[in-house]
N, C-alpha and C. Protein backbone atom coordinates (compact mmCIF):
# COMPACT_ATOMS: atom_id res chain seq x y z
N MET A 1 100.70 55.57 -47.45
CA MET A 1 101.15 55.93 -45.93
C MET A 1 100.08 55.23 -44.96
N GLY A 2 100.65 54.18 -43.66
CA GLY A 2 99.51 53.96 -43.20
C GLY A 2 100.47 54.61 -41.55
N VAL A 3 98.96 54.25 -40.96
CA VAL A 3 99.95 54.66 -38.81
C VAL A 3 99.59 53.73 -38.31
N VAL A 4 100.37 53.31 -37.28
CA VAL A 4 100.10 52.36 -36.15
C VAL A 4 100.27 52.68 -35.05
N SER A 5 99.31 52.25 -33.87
CA SER A 5 99.42 53.51 -33.28
C SER A 5 99.79 52.02 -31.64
N TYR A 6 100.56 51.89 -31.00
CA TYR A 6 100.87 51.45 -30.08
C TYR A 6 101.07 52.09 -29.09
N GLU A 7 100.52 51.92 -27.44
CA GLU A 7 100.17 52.50 -26.00
C GLU A 7 100.89 51.55 -25.59
N PHE A 8 102.16 52.31 -24.33
CA PHE A 8 103.55 51.95 -23.13
C PHE A 8 103.54 52.08 -22.14
N GLU A 9 103.73 51.63 -21.04
CA GLU A 9 103.43 52.55 -20.40
C GLU A 9 104.61 51.58 -19.42
N THR A 10 105.47 51.78 -18.61
CA THR A 10 106.89 51.48 -17.79
C THR A 10 106.10 52.33 -16.43
N THR A 11 106.94 51.96 -15.26
CA THR A 11 107.93 52.35 -13.77
C THR A 11 108.56 52.52 -13.58
N SER A 12 109.21 53.35 -13.07
CA SER A 12 110.56 54.01 -12.56
C SER A 12 110.67 54.06 -10.93
N PRO A 13 112.12 53.93 -10.53
CA PRO A 13 112.05 53.81 -9.21
C PRO A 13 112.73 55.38 -9.22
N ILE A 14 112.82 56.28 -9.39
CA ILE A 14 113.09 57.95 -9.93
C ILE A 14 112.02 58.36 -9.52
N SER A 15 112.18 59.57 -8.61
CA SER A 15 111.21 61.04 -8.91
C SER A 15 110.39 61.16 -10.51
N ALA A 16 109.44 60.82 -10.80
CA ALA A 16 108.91 61.88 -12.11
C ALA A 16 110.48 63.20 -11.91
N ALA A 17 109.86 63.98 -11.48
CA ALA A 17 110.11 65.44 -11.79
C ALA A 17 112.07 65.21 -12.09
N ARG A 18 112.93 64.23 -11.30
CA ARG A 18 114.42 63.93 -11.56
C ARG A 18 113.96 63.82 -13.32
N LEU A 19 114.16 62.02 -13.60
CA LEU A 19 113.44 61.31 -14.71
C LEU A 19 112.87 62.41 -15.44
N PHE A 20 112.09 63.33 -15.59
CA PHE A 20 111.77 63.67 -16.51
C PHE A 20 113.28 64.58 -17.33
N LYS A 21 114.43 65.21 -15.83
CA LYS A 21 114.82 66.65 -16.37
C LYS A 21 115.70 65.56 -17.14
N ALA A 22 116.19 64.18 -16.89
CA ALA A 22 117.34 63.91 -17.14
C ALA A 22 116.97 62.72 -18.35
N ILE A 23 116.35 62.77 -18.62
CA ILE A 23 115.30 62.64 -20.33
C ILE A 23 115.28 63.35 -20.69
N THR A 24 115.58 64.92 -20.44
CA THR A 24 114.60 65.93 -21.94
C THR A 24 115.92 66.92 -21.38
N PHE A 25 116.49 67.43 -20.14
CA PHE A 25 117.17 68.35 -20.38
C PHE A 25 118.70 68.20 -20.05
N GLU A 26 119.10 67.16 -20.17
CA GLU A 26 119.76 66.98 -19.42
C GLU A 26 120.60 65.28 -20.32
N ALA A 27 119.42 64.85 -21.74
CA ALA A 27 120.74 63.56 -22.10
C ALA A 27 121.74 63.33 -22.49
N ASP A 28 121.73 64.69 -23.07
CA ASP A 28 123.00 65.42 -24.50
C ASP A 28 124.32 64.80 -23.18
N LYS A 29 124.42 65.30 -22.27
CA LYS A 29 124.88 65.37 -20.70
C LYS A 29 125.20 63.55 -20.53
N LEU A 30 123.77 63.19 -20.15
CA LEU A 30 124.36 62.17 -19.45
C LEU A 30 123.70 60.10 -20.23
N PHE A 31 123.20 60.75 -21.02
CA PHE A 31 123.38 59.17 -21.83
C PHE A 31 124.56 59.07 -22.06
N PRO A 32 125.21 58.91 -22.95
CA PRO A 32 126.55 58.55 -22.62
C PRO A 32 127.58 58.30 -21.48
N LYS A 33 126.41 58.64 -20.18
CA LYS A 33 127.32 58.77 -19.34
C LYS A 33 127.23 57.49 -19.59
N ALA A 34 125.83 57.43 -17.88
CA ALA A 34 124.84 56.10 -17.89
C ALA A 34 124.84 54.77 -18.91
N ALA A 35 125.23 55.04 -20.02
CA ALA A 35 125.35 53.46 -21.28
C ALA A 35 125.28 54.27 -22.31
N PRO A 36 127.18 54.56 -22.02
CA PRO A 36 127.97 54.29 -22.66
C PRO A 36 128.57 52.85 -23.93
N HIS A 37 127.88 51.53 -23.38
CA HIS A 37 126.98 50.08 -24.30
C HIS A 37 127.32 50.86 -24.72
N ALA A 38 125.67 51.93 -25.22
CA ALA A 38 125.16 51.79 -26.10
C ALA A 38 125.43 53.69 -26.75
N VAL A 39 125.05 54.74 -25.91
CA VAL A 39 125.24 55.57 -26.21
C VAL A 39 126.81 56.02 -26.45
N LYS A 40 127.46 56.68 -28.01
CA LYS A 40 128.48 57.75 -27.97
C LYS A 40 128.54 58.76 -27.41
N SER A 41 127.22 60.10 -28.32
CA SER A 41 127.02 60.68 -28.57
C SER A 41 125.62 60.98 -28.38
N VAL A 42 125.49 62.73 -27.69
CA VAL A 42 124.41 63.29 -28.27
C VAL A 42 125.02 64.45 -27.96
N GLU A 43 123.86 65.03 -29.87
CA GLU A 43 124.39 66.17 -30.37
C GLU A 43 123.35 67.43 -30.23
N LEU A 44 124.01 67.82 -29.60
CA LEU A 44 122.12 69.55 -30.18
C LEU A 44 122.12 70.60 -30.87
N GLN A 45 120.64 70.76 -31.83
CA GLN A 45 121.17 71.77 -32.57
C GLN A 45 119.46 72.03 -31.91
N GLY A 46 119.42 73.29 -31.09
CA GLY A 46 118.58 74.14 -30.79
C GLY A 46 118.99 74.22 -28.91
N ASN A 47 118.09 74.88 -28.87
CA ASN A 47 117.75 74.53 -26.94
C ASN A 47 117.31 74.47 -26.27
N GLY A 48 116.94 72.92 -26.79
CA GLY A 48 115.85 71.70 -25.96
C GLY A 48 114.52 71.98 -26.30
N GLY A 49 114.83 73.22 -26.37
CA GLY A 49 113.21 73.74 -26.37
C GLY A 49 111.96 72.43 -28.09
N PRO A 50 110.78 73.33 -27.95
CA PRO A 50 110.51 72.42 -29.45
C PRO A 50 110.83 73.37 -30.63
N GLY A 51 111.59 72.58 -31.70
CA GLY A 51 112.25 72.59 -32.56
C GLY A 51 113.50 71.98 -32.64
N THR A 52 114.03 71.69 -31.94
CA THR A 52 115.88 70.85 -31.22
C THR A 52 115.01 69.76 -31.83
N LEU A 53 117.03 69.49 -32.34
CA LEU A 53 117.61 68.76 -32.99
C LEU A 53 118.29 67.97 -32.41
N VAL A 54 117.49 66.75 -32.28
CA VAL A 54 118.67 66.16 -31.27
C VAL A 54 118.90 64.98 -32.15
N LYS A 55 120.94 64.12 -31.92
CA LYS A 55 121.19 63.42 -32.88
C LYS A 55 122.00 63.01 -31.65
N ILE A 56 121.58 61.44 -31.34
CA ILE A 56 122.29 60.40 -31.14
C ILE A 56 122.71 59.36 -31.42
N ASN A 57 124.24 59.14 -31.13
CA ASN A 57 125.37 58.34 -31.63
C ASN A 57 125.15 57.40 -30.95
N PHE A 58 125.18 56.42 -31.56
CA PHE A 58 125.51 54.73 -31.45
C PHE A 58 126.51 54.49 -30.65
N ALA A 59 126.98 53.80 -30.30
CA ALA A 59 128.13 52.90 -29.79
C ALA A 59 128.86 52.19 -30.99
N GLU A 60 129.63 51.45 -30.99
CA GLU A 60 129.97 50.28 -31.58
C GLU A 60 129.43 48.69 -31.09
N GLY A 61 128.16 47.97 -32.15
CA GLY A 61 128.19 47.02 -31.50
C GLY A 61 126.12 47.17 -31.23
N VAL A 62 125.80 48.38 -31.79
CA VAL A 62 124.71 48.88 -31.62
C VAL A 62 123.46 49.20 -33.84
N PRO A 63 122.78 48.14 -33.22
CA PRO A 63 122.88 47.83 -34.77
C PRO A 63 121.83 49.34 -35.49
N PHE A 64 122.48 49.71 -35.23
CA PHE A 64 122.88 51.76 -36.25
C PHE A 64 123.11 52.52 -35.49
N GLN A 65 123.76 53.10 -36.61
CA GLN A 65 124.44 54.80 -36.15
C GLN A 65 124.83 55.66 -36.20
N TYR A 66 123.17 56.20 -35.62
CA TYR A 66 122.82 57.25 -34.98
C TYR A 66 120.98 56.83 -34.78
N VAL A 67 120.54 58.35 -34.55
CA VAL A 67 119.15 58.19 -35.18
C VAL A 67 118.27 59.61 -34.02
N LYS A 68 118.69 60.70 -35.20
CA LYS A 68 117.90 62.28 -34.92
C LYS A 68 116.03 62.18 -35.00
N HIS A 69 116.02 63.24 -34.01
CA HIS A 69 114.60 63.27 -32.72
C HIS A 69 114.82 64.56 -33.09
N HIS A 70 113.42 64.90 -33.15
CA HIS A 70 112.68 66.93 -33.12
C HIS A 70 112.08 66.76 -32.33
N ILE A 71 112.74 67.74 -31.95
CA ILE A 71 111.85 68.38 -30.39
C ILE A 71 109.74 68.93 -31.07
N ASP A 72 108.68 68.27 -30.36
CA ASP A 72 107.66 68.82 -30.67
C ASP A 72 107.50 69.54 -29.75
N ALA A 73 107.11 69.11 -28.64
CA ALA A 73 107.13 70.00 -27.05
C ALA A 73 107.31 69.65 -26.52
N VAL A 74 107.58 70.48 -25.06
CA VAL A 74 107.59 69.73 -24.17
C VAL A 74 107.19 70.99 -22.88
N ASP A 75 106.02 70.32 -21.79
CA ASP A 75 106.04 70.61 -21.32
C ASP A 75 105.75 70.25 -19.57
N LYS A 76 107.88 71.39 -19.04
CA LYS A 76 107.69 70.96 -17.68
C LYS A 76 106.57 70.92 -16.65
N ALA A 77 105.85 72.13 -16.03
CA ALA A 77 105.01 72.35 -15.21
C ALA A 77 104.09 70.77 -15.74
N ASN A 78 103.79 69.90 -16.56
CA ASN A 78 103.38 68.61 -16.48
C ASN A 78 103.88 67.48 -17.08
N LEU A 79 104.96 67.90 -16.60
CA LEU A 79 106.66 66.22 -17.58
C LEU A 79 105.59 65.79 -18.47
N THR A 80 105.06 66.20 -19.61
CA THR A 80 104.80 65.18 -20.88
C THR A 80 106.06 66.47 -21.71
N TYR A 81 106.30 65.38 -22.69
CA TYR A 81 106.97 66.08 -23.92
C TYR A 81 106.53 64.82 -24.86
N SER A 82 106.92 65.64 -26.08
CA SER A 82 106.70 65.37 -27.22
C SER A 82 107.41 64.95 -28.22
N TYR A 83 108.24 64.41 -29.22
CA TYR A 83 109.68 63.97 -29.86
C TYR A 83 108.87 63.27 -31.40
N SER A 84 109.39 63.41 -32.39
CA SER A 84 109.58 62.54 -33.66
C SER A 84 110.95 62.41 -33.74
N VAL A 85 111.40 60.66 -34.31
CA VAL A 85 112.47 60.81 -34.67
C VAL A 85 111.92 60.75 -36.02
N ILE A 86 112.93 61.15 -37.44
CA ILE A 86 112.81 61.61 -38.30
C ILE A 86 113.82 60.93 -39.21
N GLU A 87 115.05 60.10 -38.02
CA GLU A 87 116.08 60.35 -39.39
C GLU A 87 117.06 59.51 -38.93
N GLY A 88 117.00 57.84 -39.78
CA GLY A 88 118.14 57.35 -38.80
C GLY A 88 117.24 56.13 -38.06
N GLY A 89 118.11 55.02 -37.09
CA GLY A 89 117.99 54.45 -36.97
C GLY A 89 116.98 52.97 -36.82
N PRO A 90 115.70 52.79 -36.63
CA PRO A 90 114.89 52.62 -36.95
C PRO A 90 114.35 52.17 -38.34
N LEU A 91 114.20 53.69 -38.60
CA LEU A 91 113.20 53.75 -39.73
C LEU A 91 113.58 53.33 -41.47
N GLY A 92 114.63 52.72 -41.27
CA GLY A 92 115.28 52.31 -42.27
C GLY A 92 114.35 52.68 -43.90
N ASP A 93 114.20 51.33 -44.64
CA ASP A 93 112.52 51.81 -45.65
C ASP A 93 111.68 51.31 -45.71
N LYS A 94 110.41 51.51 -43.95
CA LYS A 94 109.71 50.31 -43.86
C LYS A 94 108.78 52.11 -43.08
N LEU A 95 110.08 52.78 -42.34
CA LEU A 95 108.62 53.42 -41.35
C LEU A 95 109.51 55.17 -41.70
N GLU A 96 108.94 56.28 -42.49
CA GLU A 96 108.72 57.81 -42.29
C GLU A 96 109.30 58.62 -41.51
N LYS A 97 109.17 58.74 -39.89
CA LYS A 97 108.21 58.65 -38.74
C LYS A 97 107.91 58.04 -37.37
N ILE A 98 108.46 58.52 -36.84
CA ILE A 98 107.90 57.11 -35.63
C ILE A 98 107.61 58.24 -33.68
N SER A 99 106.27 59.09 -34.13
CA SER A 99 106.22 60.12 -33.54
C SER A 99 105.98 59.55 -31.73
N PHE A 100 106.15 60.60 -30.69
CA PHE A 100 105.99 59.68 -29.14
C PHE A 100 106.06 61.10 -28.74
N ASP A 101 105.02 60.21 -27.45
CA ASP A 101 103.77 61.39 -26.43
C ASP A 101 104.09 61.08 -25.44
N ASN A 102 104.93 61.78 -24.66
CA ASN A 102 104.99 60.51 -22.86
C ASN A 102 104.93 61.69 -22.30
N LYS A 103 104.65 60.47 -20.80
CA LYS A 103 103.68 61.50 -20.03
C LYS A 103 104.12 61.20 -18.88
N LEU A 104 104.77 61.97 -17.83
CA LEU A 104 105.11 61.41 -16.39
C LEU A 104 104.97 61.51 -15.52
N ALA A 105 104.09 60.80 -14.55
CA ALA A 105 103.81 61.53 -12.25
C ALA A 105 103.86 60.33 -11.97
N ALA A 106 103.88 60.68 -10.97
CA ALA A 106 104.24 60.68 -9.93
C ALA A 106 103.57 59.17 -9.62
N ALA A 107 104.47 58.10 -9.01
CA ALA A 107 104.53 56.68 -8.96
C ALA A 107 104.65 55.97 -7.44
N GLY A 108 103.48 57.31 -5.75
CA GLY A 108 104.54 56.14 -5.07
C GLY A 108 105.55 57.74 -4.60
N GLU A 109 107.12 56.57 -4.42
CA GLU A 109 108.56 58.08 -4.90
C GLU A 109 109.41 57.45 -5.36
N GLY A 110 108.57 56.28 -6.95
CA GLY A 110 108.52 56.84 -8.39
C GLY A 110 107.85 57.29 -9.29
N THR A 111 108.52 56.74 -10.57
CA THR A 111 107.28 57.44 -11.66
C THR A 111 107.17 56.23 -12.49
N LEU A 112 105.00 56.52 -13.41
CA LEU A 112 104.24 55.78 -14.35
C LEU A 112 105.18 57.08 -15.63
N VAL A 113 105.97 56.20 -16.37
CA VAL A 113 105.73 57.05 -17.36
C VAL A 113 104.72 56.08 -18.74
N LYS A 114 104.02 57.58 -19.22
CA LYS A 114 102.66 56.17 -20.20
C LYS A 114 103.88 57.12 -21.66
N SER A 115 103.42 56.18 -22.92
CA SER A 115 104.35 57.30 -23.98
C SER A 115 103.50 56.54 -25.35
N SER A 116 102.62 57.42 -26.37
CA SER A 116 102.05 57.78 -26.69
C SER A 116 102.33 57.22 -28.26
N MET A 117 102.82 55.99 -28.86
CA MET A 117 103.67 56.37 -29.93
C MET A 117 103.04 55.56 -30.97
N LYS A 118 103.57 56.76 -32.76
CA LYS A 118 103.05 56.65 -33.51
C LYS A 118 103.96 56.19 -35.26
N PHE A 119 104.32 55.10 -35.54
CA PHE A 119 104.66 54.05 -36.79
C PHE A 119 104.00 54.60 -37.63
N PHE A 120 104.95 55.73 -37.98
CA PHE A 120 104.09 56.53 -40.02
C PHE A 120 104.81 55.74 -40.84
N THR A 121 104.26 54.03 -41.76
CA THR A 121 104.52 53.96 -42.67
C THR A 121 105.02 54.27 -43.48
N ILE A 122 106.04 53.46 -45.03
CA ILE A 122 105.99 54.12 -45.87
C ILE A 122 105.59 53.06 -47.07
N GLY A 123 104.10 53.81 -47.85
CA GLY A 123 103.52 53.21 -48.39
C GLY A 123 102.66 52.15 -47.88
N ASP A 124 102.76 50.83 -48.50
CA ASP A 124 102.25 49.69 -48.62
C ASP A 124 103.22 49.28 -47.17
N SER A 125 104.31 50.11 -46.78
CA SER A 125 105.01 48.72 -45.78
C SER A 125 103.99 48.62 -44.34
N THR A 126 104.48 47.19 -43.41
CA THR A 126 103.59 47.46 -42.80
C THR A 126 104.82 47.09 -41.18
N PHE A 127 104.00 48.02 -40.14
CA PHE A 127 104.86 47.52 -38.98
C PHE A 127 104.53 46.53 -37.55
N THR A 128 105.08 45.03 -37.77
CA THR A 128 103.94 44.56 -36.65
C THR A 128 104.97 45.01 -34.89
N GLU A 129 103.46 44.38 -34.05
CA GLU A 129 104.00 45.03 -32.87
C GLU A 129 104.95 44.18 -32.62
N ASP A 130 105.24 43.20 -33.21
CA ASP A 130 106.93 42.61 -32.98
C ASP A 130 107.77 43.44 -32.63
N GLU A 131 107.69 43.89 -34.22
CA GLU A 131 109.29 44.64 -34.12
C GLU A 131 108.75 46.37 -33.54
N ILE A 132 107.42 46.55 -32.74
CA ILE A 132 107.18 47.72 -31.81
C ILE A 132 108.25 47.34 -30.66
N LYS A 133 107.61 46.29 -29.36
CA LYS A 133 108.43 46.21 -29.32
C LYS A 133 109.46 45.59 -28.79
N GLU A 134 110.47 45.65 -29.94
CA GLU A 134 111.58 44.89 -30.24
C GLU A 134 112.83 46.56 -30.08
N GLN A 135 111.83 47.11 -30.27
CA GLN A 135 112.46 48.99 -30.03
C GLN A 135 111.70 49.76 -29.36
N ILE A 136 111.08 49.30 -28.90
CA ILE A 136 110.95 49.60 -27.21
C ILE A 136 111.83 48.61 -26.15
N GLN A 137 112.21 48.06 -26.80
CA GLN A 137 113.30 47.00 -25.73
C GLN A 137 114.41 47.32 -25.83
N ARG A 138 115.11 48.40 -27.28
CA ARG A 138 116.49 49.20 -27.41
C ARG A 138 115.47 50.60 -26.05
N MET A 139 115.51 50.65 -26.55
CA MET A 139 115.06 51.64 -26.48
C MET A 139 115.32 51.76 -24.39
N ASP A 140 114.58 50.47 -23.68
CA ASP A 140 114.46 50.67 -22.74
C ASP A 140 115.98 50.48 -22.17
N GLY A 141 116.69 49.08 -23.00
CA GLY A 141 118.41 49.29 -22.42
C GLY A 141 118.97 50.60 -21.80
N VAL A 142 119.05 51.99 -22.12
CA VAL A 142 119.16 52.78 -22.23
C VAL A 142 118.31 53.64 -20.98
N TYR A 143 117.00 53.65 -20.73
CA TYR A 143 116.46 53.90 -19.63
C TYR A 143 116.58 53.27 -19.16
N LYS A 144 117.11 51.68 -18.60
CA LYS A 144 117.81 51.35 -17.44
C LYS A 144 119.13 52.71 -16.96
N ALA A 145 119.65 52.24 -18.14
CA ALA A 145 121.10 52.00 -17.70
C ALA A 145 120.77 54.25 -16.62
N VAL A 146 119.93 54.72 -17.83
CA VAL A 146 119.83 55.48 -16.97
C VAL A 146 119.40 56.35 -16.11
N GLU A 147 118.13 55.18 -15.12
CA GLU A 147 118.27 54.77 -13.86
C GLU A 147 119.14 54.70 -13.19
N ALA A 148 119.60 53.74 -13.55
CA ALA A 148 120.88 53.03 -12.75
C ALA A 148 121.88 54.44 -11.39
N TYR A 149 122.42 54.98 -13.46
CA TYR A 149 123.29 55.59 -13.03
C TYR A 149 123.05 57.15 -11.48
N LEU A 150 121.37 57.08 -12.25
CA LEU A 150 120.90 58.38 -11.49
C LEU A 150 120.69 57.77 -9.41
N LEU A 151 120.23 56.51 -9.92
CA LEU A 151 120.31 56.26 -8.26
C LEU A 151 121.77 56.02 -7.62
N ALA A 152 122.43 55.52 -8.48
CA ALA A 152 123.94 55.38 -7.60
C ALA A 152 124.30 56.85 -8.12
N ASN A 153 123.67 57.92 -8.16
CA ASN A 153 123.99 59.01 -8.49
C ASN A 153 122.99 60.28 -7.84
N PRO A 154 123.04 59.96 -7.23
CA PRO A 154 121.43 61.19 -5.61
C PRO A 154 121.65 62.76 -6.16
N ASP A 155 123.01 62.58 -6.50
CA ASP A 155 122.57 64.25 -6.89
C ASP A 155 122.77 64.72 -7.93
N VAL A 156 122.51 63.84 -9.10
CA VAL A 156 123.07 64.04 -10.83
C VAL A 156 121.33 64.73 -11.52
N CYS A 157 120.74 65.88 -11.66
CA CYS A 157 119.63 66.24 -12.07
C CYS A 157 118.51 66.39 -11.04
N ASN A 158 118.45 66.56 -9.64
CA ASN A 158 118.26 67.44 -9.14
C ASN A 158 117.45 68.71 -9.01
């Protein structure tokens, strides 16, 4: 098994606290509304805190049927959360899991999102930077849809 690490930063026009609430505590309700082209439903097993399993079922036409996350840590005071993709999605026969450590911070009127990712490969498999960027692009499509939904619905996730 190998580990490929990757750092990623992006910005959002949504405030850090509101975006954090949307993508951590309200994702099960918000993702299917904001991105119906990509997310059919979200199922939770747990209370949303560490140990919770999150299954995201994708809409028809998305290359994956579903992805299952394990929430590793949530720190509301510091706007950090960590989770691992443990089943489905991009794992295939190359990856055992993908771990994400995310930190949101105020940046002007919006948010700076920093994500540290670790891709745990199976055996001698490799996972290239191009494959990583492809995964980020897929995730970014959902996050941009969430941003647009929050901008259009200013009372959601306050």
